[in-house]
């Protein structure tokens, strides 16, 4: 039973960390605009009204482009 509580606590910590991260995306303005991300997501058939998810994709894209540019140097 004690092991089960540890698993539940870890899951709760992960959930709260994810919730905090998603909430922080509301105040963050990524380099790649929301409109551009929405355009390309729409072209691929993905529609999402949640701006946090749009910004999450923008942050992931920004990181990818930065890594490619860094590796090219």
PDB file of N, CA and C in Angstrom:
ATOM      1  N   UNK A   1       0.826  -1.192   0.000  1.00  0.00           N
ATOM      2  CA  UNK A   1       0.000   0.000   0.000  1.00  0.00           C
ATOM      3  C   UNK A   1       0.869   1.253   0.000  1.00  0.00           C
ATOM      4  N   UNK A   2       1.985   1.238   0.719  1.00  0.00           N
ATOM      5  CA  UNK A   2       2.869   2.383   0.798  1.00  0.00           C
ATOM      6  C   UNK A   2       3.496   2.687  -0.563  1.00  0.00           C
ATOM      7  N   UNK A   3       3.813   1.650  -1.318  1.00  0.00           N
ATOM      8  CA  UNK A   3       4.370   1.834  -2.656  1.00  0.00           C
ATOM      9  C   UNK A   3       3.345   2.509  -3.564  1.00  0.00           C
ATOM     10  N   UNK A   4       2.083   2.163  -3.401  1.00  0.00           N
ATOM     11  CA  UNK A   4       1.005   2.767  -4.185  1.00  0.00           C
ATOM     12  C   UNK A   4       0.905   4.265  -3.903  1.00  0.00           C
ATOM     13  N   UNK A   5       1.078   4.652  -2.645  1.00  0.00           N
ATOM     14  CA  UNK A   5       1.022   6.065  -2.289  1.00  0.00           C
ATOM     15  C   UNK A   5       2.180   6.817  -2.928  1.00  0.00           C
ATOM     16  N   UNK A   6       3.356   6.201  -2.964  1.00  0.00           N
ATOM     17  CA  UNK A   6       4.506   6.831  -3.600  1.00  0.00           C
ATOM     18  C   UNK A   6       4.282   7.056  -5.072  1.00  0.00           C
ATOM     19  N   UNK A   7       3.666   6.096  -5.724  1.00  0.00           N
ATOM     20  CA  UNK A   7       3.349   6.213  -7.148  1.00  0.00           C
ATOM     21  C   UNK A   7       2.335   7.325  -7.382  1.00  0.00           C
ATOM     22  N   UNK A   8       1.331   7.398  -6.532  1.00  0.00           N
ATOM     23  CA  UNK A   8       0.314   8.447  -6.653  1.00  0.00           C
ATOM     24  C   UNK A   8       0.915   9.820  -6.406  1.00  0.00           C
ATOM     25  N   UNK A   9       1.822   9.928  -5.436  1.00  0.00           N
ATOM     26  CA  UNK A   9       2.474  11.210  -5.158  1.00  0.00           C
ATOM     27  C   UNK A   9       3.340  11.642  -6.328  1.00  0.00           C
ATOM     28  N   UNK A  10       4.066  10.697  -6.932  1.00  0.00           N
ATOM     29  CA  UNK A  10       4.899  11.024  -8.088  1.00  0.00           C
ATOM     30  C   UNK A  10       4.033  11.479  -9.256  1.00  0.00           C
ATOM     31  N   UNK A  11       2.921  10.809  -9.458  1.00  0.00           N
ATOM     32  CA  UNK A  11       2.013  11.196 -10.543  1.00  0.00           C
ATOM     33  C   UNK A  11       1.445  12.583 -10.279  1.00  0.00           C
ATOM     34  N   UNK A  12       1.095  12.857  -9.031  1.00  0.00           N
ATOM     35  CA  UNK A  12       0.565  14.171  -8.672  1.00  0.00           C
ATOM     36  C   UNK A  12       1.621  15.245  -8.913  1.00  0.00           C
ATOM     37  N   UNK A  13       2.881  14.968  -8.558  1.00  0.00           N
ATOM     38  CA  UNK A  13       3.959  15.922  -8.793  1.00  0.00           C
ATOM     39  C   UNK A  13       4.150  16.178 -10.284  1.00  0.00           C
ATOM     40  N   UNK A  14       4.088  15.118 -11.092  1.00  0.00           N
ATOM     41  CA  UNK A  14       4.210  15.269 -12.537  1.00  0.00           C
ATOM     42  C   UNK A  14       3.050  16.079 -13.103  1.00  0.00           C
ATOM     43  N   UNK A  15       1.848  15.788 -12.629  1.00  0.00           N
ATOM     44  CA  UNK A  15       0.667  16.517 -13.098  1.00  0.00           C
ATOM     45  C   UNK A  15       0.752  17.991 -12.733  1.00  0.00           C
ATOM     46  N   UNK A  16       1.186  18.288 -11.509  1.00  0.00           N
ATOM     47  CA  UNK A  16       1.262  19.688 -11.097  1.00  0.00           C
ATOM     48  C   UNK A  16       2.383  20.410 -11.841  1.00  0.00           C
ATOM     49  N   UNK A  17       3.482  19.724 -12.129  1.00  0.00           N
ATOM     50  CA  UNK A  17       4.559  20.342 -12.902  1.00  0.00           C
ATOM     51  C   UNK A  17       4.086  20.644 -14.320  1.00  0.00           C
ATOM     52  N   UNK A  18       3.354  19.734 -14.924  1.00  0.00           N
ATOM     53  CA  UNK A  18       2.824  19.950 -16.265  1.00  0.00           C
ATOM     54  C   UNK A  18       1.810  21.088 -16.267  1.00  0.00           C
ATOM     55  N   UNK A  19       0.957  21.119 -15.272  1.00  0.00           N
ATOM     56  CA  UNK A  19      -0.032  22.191 -15.163  1.00  0.00           C
ATOM     57  C   UNK A  19       0.655  23.545 -15.015  1.00  0.00           C
ATOM     58  N   UNK A  20       1.691  23.605 -14.181  1.00  0.00           N
ATOM     59  CA  UNK A  20       2.442  24.846 -13.999  1.00  0.00           C
ATOM     60  C   UNK A  20       3.117  25.279 -15.298  1.00  0.00           C
ATOM     61  N   UNK A  21       3.697  24.308 -16.011  1.00  0.00           N
ATOM     62  CA  UNK A  21       4.366  24.627 -17.270  1.00  0.00           C
ATOM     63  C   UNK A  21       3.372  25.156 -18.298  1.00  0.00           C
ATOM     64  N   UNK A  22       2.236  24.490 -18.435  1.00  0.00           N
ATOM     65  CA  UNK A  22       1.229  24.943 -19.393  1.00  0.00           C
ATOM     66  C   UNK A  22       0.695  26.324 -19.023  1.00  0.00           C
ATOM     67  N   UNK A  23       0.556  26.587 -17.730  1.00  0.00           N
ATOM     68  CA  UNK A  23       0.094  27.910 -17.294  1.00  0.00           C
ATOM     69  C   UNK A  23       1.126  28.980 -17.628  1.00  0.00           C
ATOM     70  N   UNK A  24       2.405  28.634 -17.547  1.00  0.00           N
ATOM     71  CA  UNK A  24       3.449  29.611 -17.855  1.00  0.00           C
ATOM     72  C   UNK A  24       3.477  29.959 -19.338  1.00  0.00           C
ATOM     73  N   UNK A  25       2.959  29.090 -20.194  1.00  0.00           N
ATOM     74  CA  UNK A  25       2.929  29.367 -21.627  1.00  0.00           C
ATOM     75  C   UNK A  25       1.974  30.498 -21.975  1.00  0.00           C
ATOM     76  N   UNK A  26       1.007  30.762 -21.113  1.00  0.00           N
ATOM     77  CA  UNK A  26       0.055  31.851 -21.360  1.00  0.00           C
ATOM     78  C   UNK A  26       0.787  33.188 -21.399  1.00  0.00           C
ATOM     79  N   UNK A  27       1.778  33.373 -20.531  1.00  0.00           N
ATOM     80  CA  UNK A  27       2.499  34.642 -20.424  1.00  0.00           C
ATOM     81  C   UNK A  27       3.733  34.708 -21.316  1.00  0.00           C
ATOM     82  N   UNK A  28       4.052  33.636 -22.030  1.00  0.00           N
ATOM     83  CA  UNK A  28       5.264  33.576 -22.843  1.00  0.00           C
ATOM     84  C   UNK A  28       4.933  33.896 -24.299  1.00  0.00           C
ATOM     85  N   UNK A  29       5.763  34.710 -24.921  1.00  0.00           N
ATOM     86  CA  UNK A  29       5.592  35.020 -26.340  1.00  0.00           C
ATOM     87  C   UNK A  29       6.758  34.396 -27.094  1.00  0.00           C
ATOM     88  N   UNK A  30       6.512  33.321 -27.814  1.00  0.00           N
ATOM     89  CA  UNK A  30       7.588  32.660 -28.541  1.00  0.00           C
ATOM     90  C   UNK A  30       8.012  33.466 -29.772  1.00  0.00           C
ATOM     91  N   UNK A  31       9.184  33.152 -30.296  1.00  0.00           N
ATOM     92  CA  UNK A  31       9.696  33.828 -31.482  1.00  0.00           C
ATOM     93  C   UNK A  31       8.805  33.553 -32.689  1.00  0.00           C
ATOM     94  N   UNK A  32       8.323  32.335 -32.798  1.00  0.00           N
ATOM     95  CA  UNK A  32       7.447  31.953 -33.899  1.00  0.00           C
ATOM     96  C   UNK A  32       6.015  32.299 -33.494  1.00  0.00           C
ATOM     97  N   UNK A  33       5.350  33.081 -34.323  1.00  0.00           N
ATOM     98  CA  UNK A  33       4.030  33.595 -33.940  1.00  0.00           C
ATOM     99  C   UNK A  33       2.968  32.499 -33.898  1.00  0.00           C
ATOM    100  N   UNK A  34       1.951  32.746 -33.088  1.00  0.00           N
ATOM    101  CA  UNK A  34       0.828  31.810 -32.975  1.00  0.00           C
ATOM    102  C   UNK A  34       0.135  31.625 -34.322  1.00  0.00           C
ATOM    103  N   UNK A  35       0.015  32.704 -35.079  1.00  0.00           N
ATOM    104  CA  UNK A  35      -0.667  32.629 -36.370  1.00  0.00           C
ATOM    105  C   UNK A  35       0.069  31.711 -37.339  1.00  0.00           C
ATOM    106  N   UNK A  36       1.398  31.795 -37.339  1.00  0.00           N
ATOM    107  CA  UNK A  36       2.181  30.940 -38.219  1.00  0.00           C
ATOM    108  C   UNK A  36       2.047  29.471 -37.824  1.00  0.00           C
ATOM    109  N   UNK A  37       2.118  29.211 -36.538  1.00  0.00           N
ATOM    110  CA  UNK A  37       1.961  27.829 -36.054  1.00  0.00           C
ATOM    111  C   UNK A  37       0.567  27.316 -36.382  1.00  0.00           C
ATOM    112  N   UNK A  38      -0.463  28.131 -36.127  1.00  0.00           N
ATOM    113  CA  UNK A  38      -1.833  27.721 -36.428  1.00  0.00           C
ATOM    114  C   UNK A  38      -2.006  27.449 -37.920  1.00  0.00           C
ATOM    115  N   UNK A  39      -1.366  28.248 -38.764  1.00  0.00           N
ATOM    116  CA  UNK A  39      -1.469  28.059 -40.212  1.00  0.00           C
ATOM    117  C   UNK A  39      -0.936  26.688 -40.615  1.00  0.00           C
ATOM    118  N   UNK A  40       0.276  26.370 -40.165  1.00  0.00           N
ATOM    119  CA  UNK A  40       0.870  25.090 -40.564  1.00  0.00           C
ATOM    120  C   UNK A  40       0.209  23.899 -39.885  1.00  0.00           C
ATOM    121  N   UNK A  41      -0.252  24.072 -38.675  1.00  0.00           N
ATOM    122  CA  UNK A  41      -1.014  22.995 -38.053  1.00  0.00           C
ATOM    123  C   UNK A  41      -2.322  22.772 -38.805  1.00  0.00           C
ATOM    124  N   UNK A  42      -2.960  23.864 -39.227  1.00  0.00           N
ATOM    125  CA  UNK A  42      -4.196  23.757 -39.995  1.00  0.00           C
ATOM    126  C   UNK A  42      -3.978  23.078 -41.336  1.00  0.00           C
ATOM    127  N   UNK A  43      -2.849  23.366 -41.985  1.00  0.00           N
ATOM    128  CA  UNK A  43      -2.546  22.719 -43.267  1.00  0.00           C
ATOM    129  C   UNK A  43      -2.367  21.220 -43.105  1.00  0.00           C
ATOM    130  N   UNK A  44      -1.932  20.803 -41.917  1.00  0.00           N
ATOM    131  CA  UNK A  44      -1.757  19.363 -41.683  1.00  0.00           C
ATOM    132  C   UNK A  44      -3.039  18.712 -41.164  1.00  0.00           C
ATOM    133  N   UNK A  45      -4.098  19.537 -40.969  1.00  0.00           N
ATOM    134  CA  UNK A  45      -5.381  18.998 -40.535  1.00  0.00           C
ATOM    135  C   UNK A  45      -5.597  19.025 -39.036  1.00  0.00           C
ATOM    136  N   UNK A  46      -4.738  19.714 -38.312  1.00  0.00           N
ATOM    137  CA  UNK A  46      -4.839  19.774 -36.857  1.00  0.00           C
ATOM    138  C   UNK A  46      -5.465  21.098 -36.449  1.00  0.00           C
ATOM    139  N   UNK A  47      -6.585  21.043 -35.746  1.00  0.00           N
ATOM    140  CA  UNK A  47      -7.259  22.229 -35.243  1.00  0.00           C
ATOM    141  C   UNK A  47      -7.305  22.156 -33.725  1.00  0.00           C
ATOM    142  N   UNK A  48      -6.848  23.216 -33.070  1.00  0.00           N
ATOM    143  CA  UNK A  48      -6.857  23.237 -31.604  1.00  0.00           C
ATOM    144  C   UNK A  48      -7.146  24.658 -31.126  1.00  0.00           C
ATOM    145  N   UNK A  49      -8.188  24.839 -30.342  1.00  0.00           N
ATOM    146  CA  UNK A  49      -8.498  26.177 -29.843  1.00  0.00           C
ATOM    147  C   UNK A  49      -7.654  26.590 -28.620  1.00  0.00           C
ATOM    148  N   UNK A  50      -6.885  25.677 -28.071  1.00  0.00           N
ATOM    149  CA  UNK A  50      -6.102  25.952 -26.857  1.00  0.00           C
ATOM    150  C   UNK A  50      -4.787  26.630 -27.226  1.00  0.00           C
ATOM    151  N   UNK A  51      -4.649  27.900 -26.847  1.00  0.00           N
ATOM    152  CA  UNK A  51      -3.450  28.669 -27.179  1.00  0.00           C
ATOM    153  C   UNK A  51      -2.207  28.095 -26.501  1.00  0.00           C
ATOM    154  N   UNK A  52      -2.379  27.421 -25.378  1.00  0.00           N
ATOM    155  CA  UNK A  52      -1.215  26.828 -24.698  1.00  0.00           C
ATOM    156  C   UNK A  52      -0.572  25.753 -25.557  1.00  0.00           C
ATOM    157  N   UNK A  53      -1.383  24.967 -26.228  1.00  0.00           N
ATOM    158  CA  UNK A  53      -0.843  23.916 -27.085  1.00  0.00           C
ATOM    159  C   UNK A  53      -0.172  24.518 -28.317  1.00  0.00           C
ATOM    160  N   UNK A  54      -0.752  25.576 -28.859  1.00  0.00           N
ATOM    161  CA  UNK A  54      -0.154  26.271 -30.000  1.00  0.00           C
ATOM    162  C   UNK A  54       1.223  26.806 -29.597  1.00  0.00           C
ATOM    163  N   UNK A  55       1.311  27.402 -28.426  1.00  0.00           N
ATOM    164  CA  UNK A  55       2.590  27.941 -27.960  1.00  0.00           C
ATOM    165  C   UNK A  55       3.581  26.837 -27.632  1.00  0.00           C
ATOM    166  N   UNK A  56       3.096  25.708 -27.167  1.00  0.00           N
ATOM    167  CA  UNK A  56       3.976  24.575 -26.908  1.00  0.00           C
ATOM    168  C   UNK A  56       4.619  24.095 -28.208  1.00  0.00           C
ATOM    169  N   UNK A  57       3.843  24.027 -29.267  1.00  0.00           N
ATOM    170  CA  UNK A  57       4.387  23.654 -30.582  1.00  0.00           C
ATOM    171  C   UNK A  57       5.376  24.720 -31.046  1.00  0.00           C
ATOM    172  N   UNK A  58       5.070  25.982 -30.817  1.00  0.00           N
ATOM    173  CA  UNK A  58       5.966  27.065 -31.202  1.00  0.00           C
ATOM    174  C   UNK A  58       7.296  26.976 -30.454  1.00  0.00           C
ATOM    175  N   UNK A  59       7.243  26.673 -29.168  1.00  0.00           N
ATOM    176  CA  UNK A  59       8.470  26.544 -28.373  1.00  0.00           C
ATOM    177  C   UNK A  59       9.289  25.350 -28.853  1.00  0.00           C
ATOM    178  N   UNK A  60       8.637  24.239 -29.141  1.00  0.00           N
ATOM    179  CA  UNK A  60       9.344  23.058 -29.640  1.00  0.00           C
ATOM    180  C   UNK A  60       9.976  23.347 -30.999  1.00  0.00           C
ATOM    181  N   UNK A  61       9.263  24.066 -31.855  1.00  0.00           N
ATOM    182  CA  UNK A  61       9.802  24.434 -33.167  1.00  0.00           C
ATOM    183  C   UNK A  61      10.980  25.385 -33.020  1.00  0.00           C
ATOM    184  N   UNK A  62      10.855  26.340 -32.122  1.00  0.00           N
ATOM    185  CA  UNK A  62      11.926  27.292 -31.863  1.00  0.00           C
ATOM    186  C   UNK A  62      13.180  26.569 -31.384  1.00  0.00           C
ATOM    187  N   UNK A  63      13.013  25.598 -30.496  1.00  0.00           N
ATOM    188  CA  UNK A  63      14.145  24.826 -29.995  1.00  0.00           C
ATOM    189  C   UNK A  63      14.785  24.024 -31.119  1.00  0.00           C
ATOM    190  N   UNK A  64      13.972  23.415 -31.973  1.00  0.00           N
ATOM    191  CA  UNK A  64      14.478  22.632 -33.088  1.00  0.00           C
ATOM    192  C   UNK A  64      15.293  23.512 -34.040  1.00  0.00           C
ATOM    193  N   UNK A  65      14.754  24.673 -34.410  1.00  0.00           N
ATOM    194  CA  UNK A  65      15.445  25.581 -35.329  1.00  0.00           C
ATOM    195  C   UNK A  65      16.753  26.070 -34.699  1.00  0.00           C
ATOM    196  N   UNK A  66      16.735  26.384 -33.413  1.00  0.00           N
ATOM    197  CA  UNK A  66      17.947  26.841 -32.735  1.00  0.00           C
ATOM    198  C   UNK A  66      19.017  25.751 -32.722  1.00  0.00           C
ATOM    199  N   UNK A  67      18.621  24.507 -32.499  1.00  0.00           N
ATOM    200  CA  UNK A  67      19.585  23.405 -32.494  1.00  0.00           C
ATOM    201  C   UNK A  67      20.165  23.173 -33.885  1.00  0.00           C
ATOM    202  N   UNK A  68      19.340  23.257 -34.923  1.00  0.00           N
ATOM    203  CA  UNK A  68      19.826  23.091 -36.292  1.00  0.00           C
ATOM    204  C   UNK A  68      20.810  24.206 -36.630  1.00  0.00           C
ATOM    205  N   UNK A  69      20.460  25.428 -36.261  1.00  0.00           N
ATOM    206  CA  UNK A  69      21.353  26.563 -36.531  1.00  0.00           C
ATOM    207  C   UNK A  69      22.659  26.437 -35.757  1.00  0.00           C
ATOM    208  N   UNK A  70      22.565  25.992 -34.517  1.00  0.00           N
ATOM    209  CA  UNK A  70      23.772  25.810 -33.698  1.00  0.00           C
ATOM    210  C   UNK A  70      24.668  24.720 -34.264  1.00  0.00           C
ATOM    211  N   UNK A  71      24.066  23.631 -34.714  1.00  0.00           N
ATOM    212  CA  UNK A  71      24.854  22.535 -35.287  1.00  0.00           C
ATOM    213  C   UNK A  71      25.491  22.937 -36.614  1.00  0.00           C
ATOM    214  N   UNK A  72      24.889  23.870 -37.326  1.00  0.00           N
ATOM    215  CA  UNK A  72      25.421  24.305 -38.612  1.00  0.00           C
ATOM    216  C   UNK A  72      26.667  25.167 -38.461  1.00  0.00           C
ATOM    217  N   UNK A  73      26.848  25.728 -37.279  1.00  0.00           N
ATOM    218  CA  UNK A  73      28.016  26.593 -37.060  1.00  0.00           C
ATOM    219  C   UNK A  73      29.214  25.779 -36.814  1.00  0.00           C
TER     220      UNK A  73
END
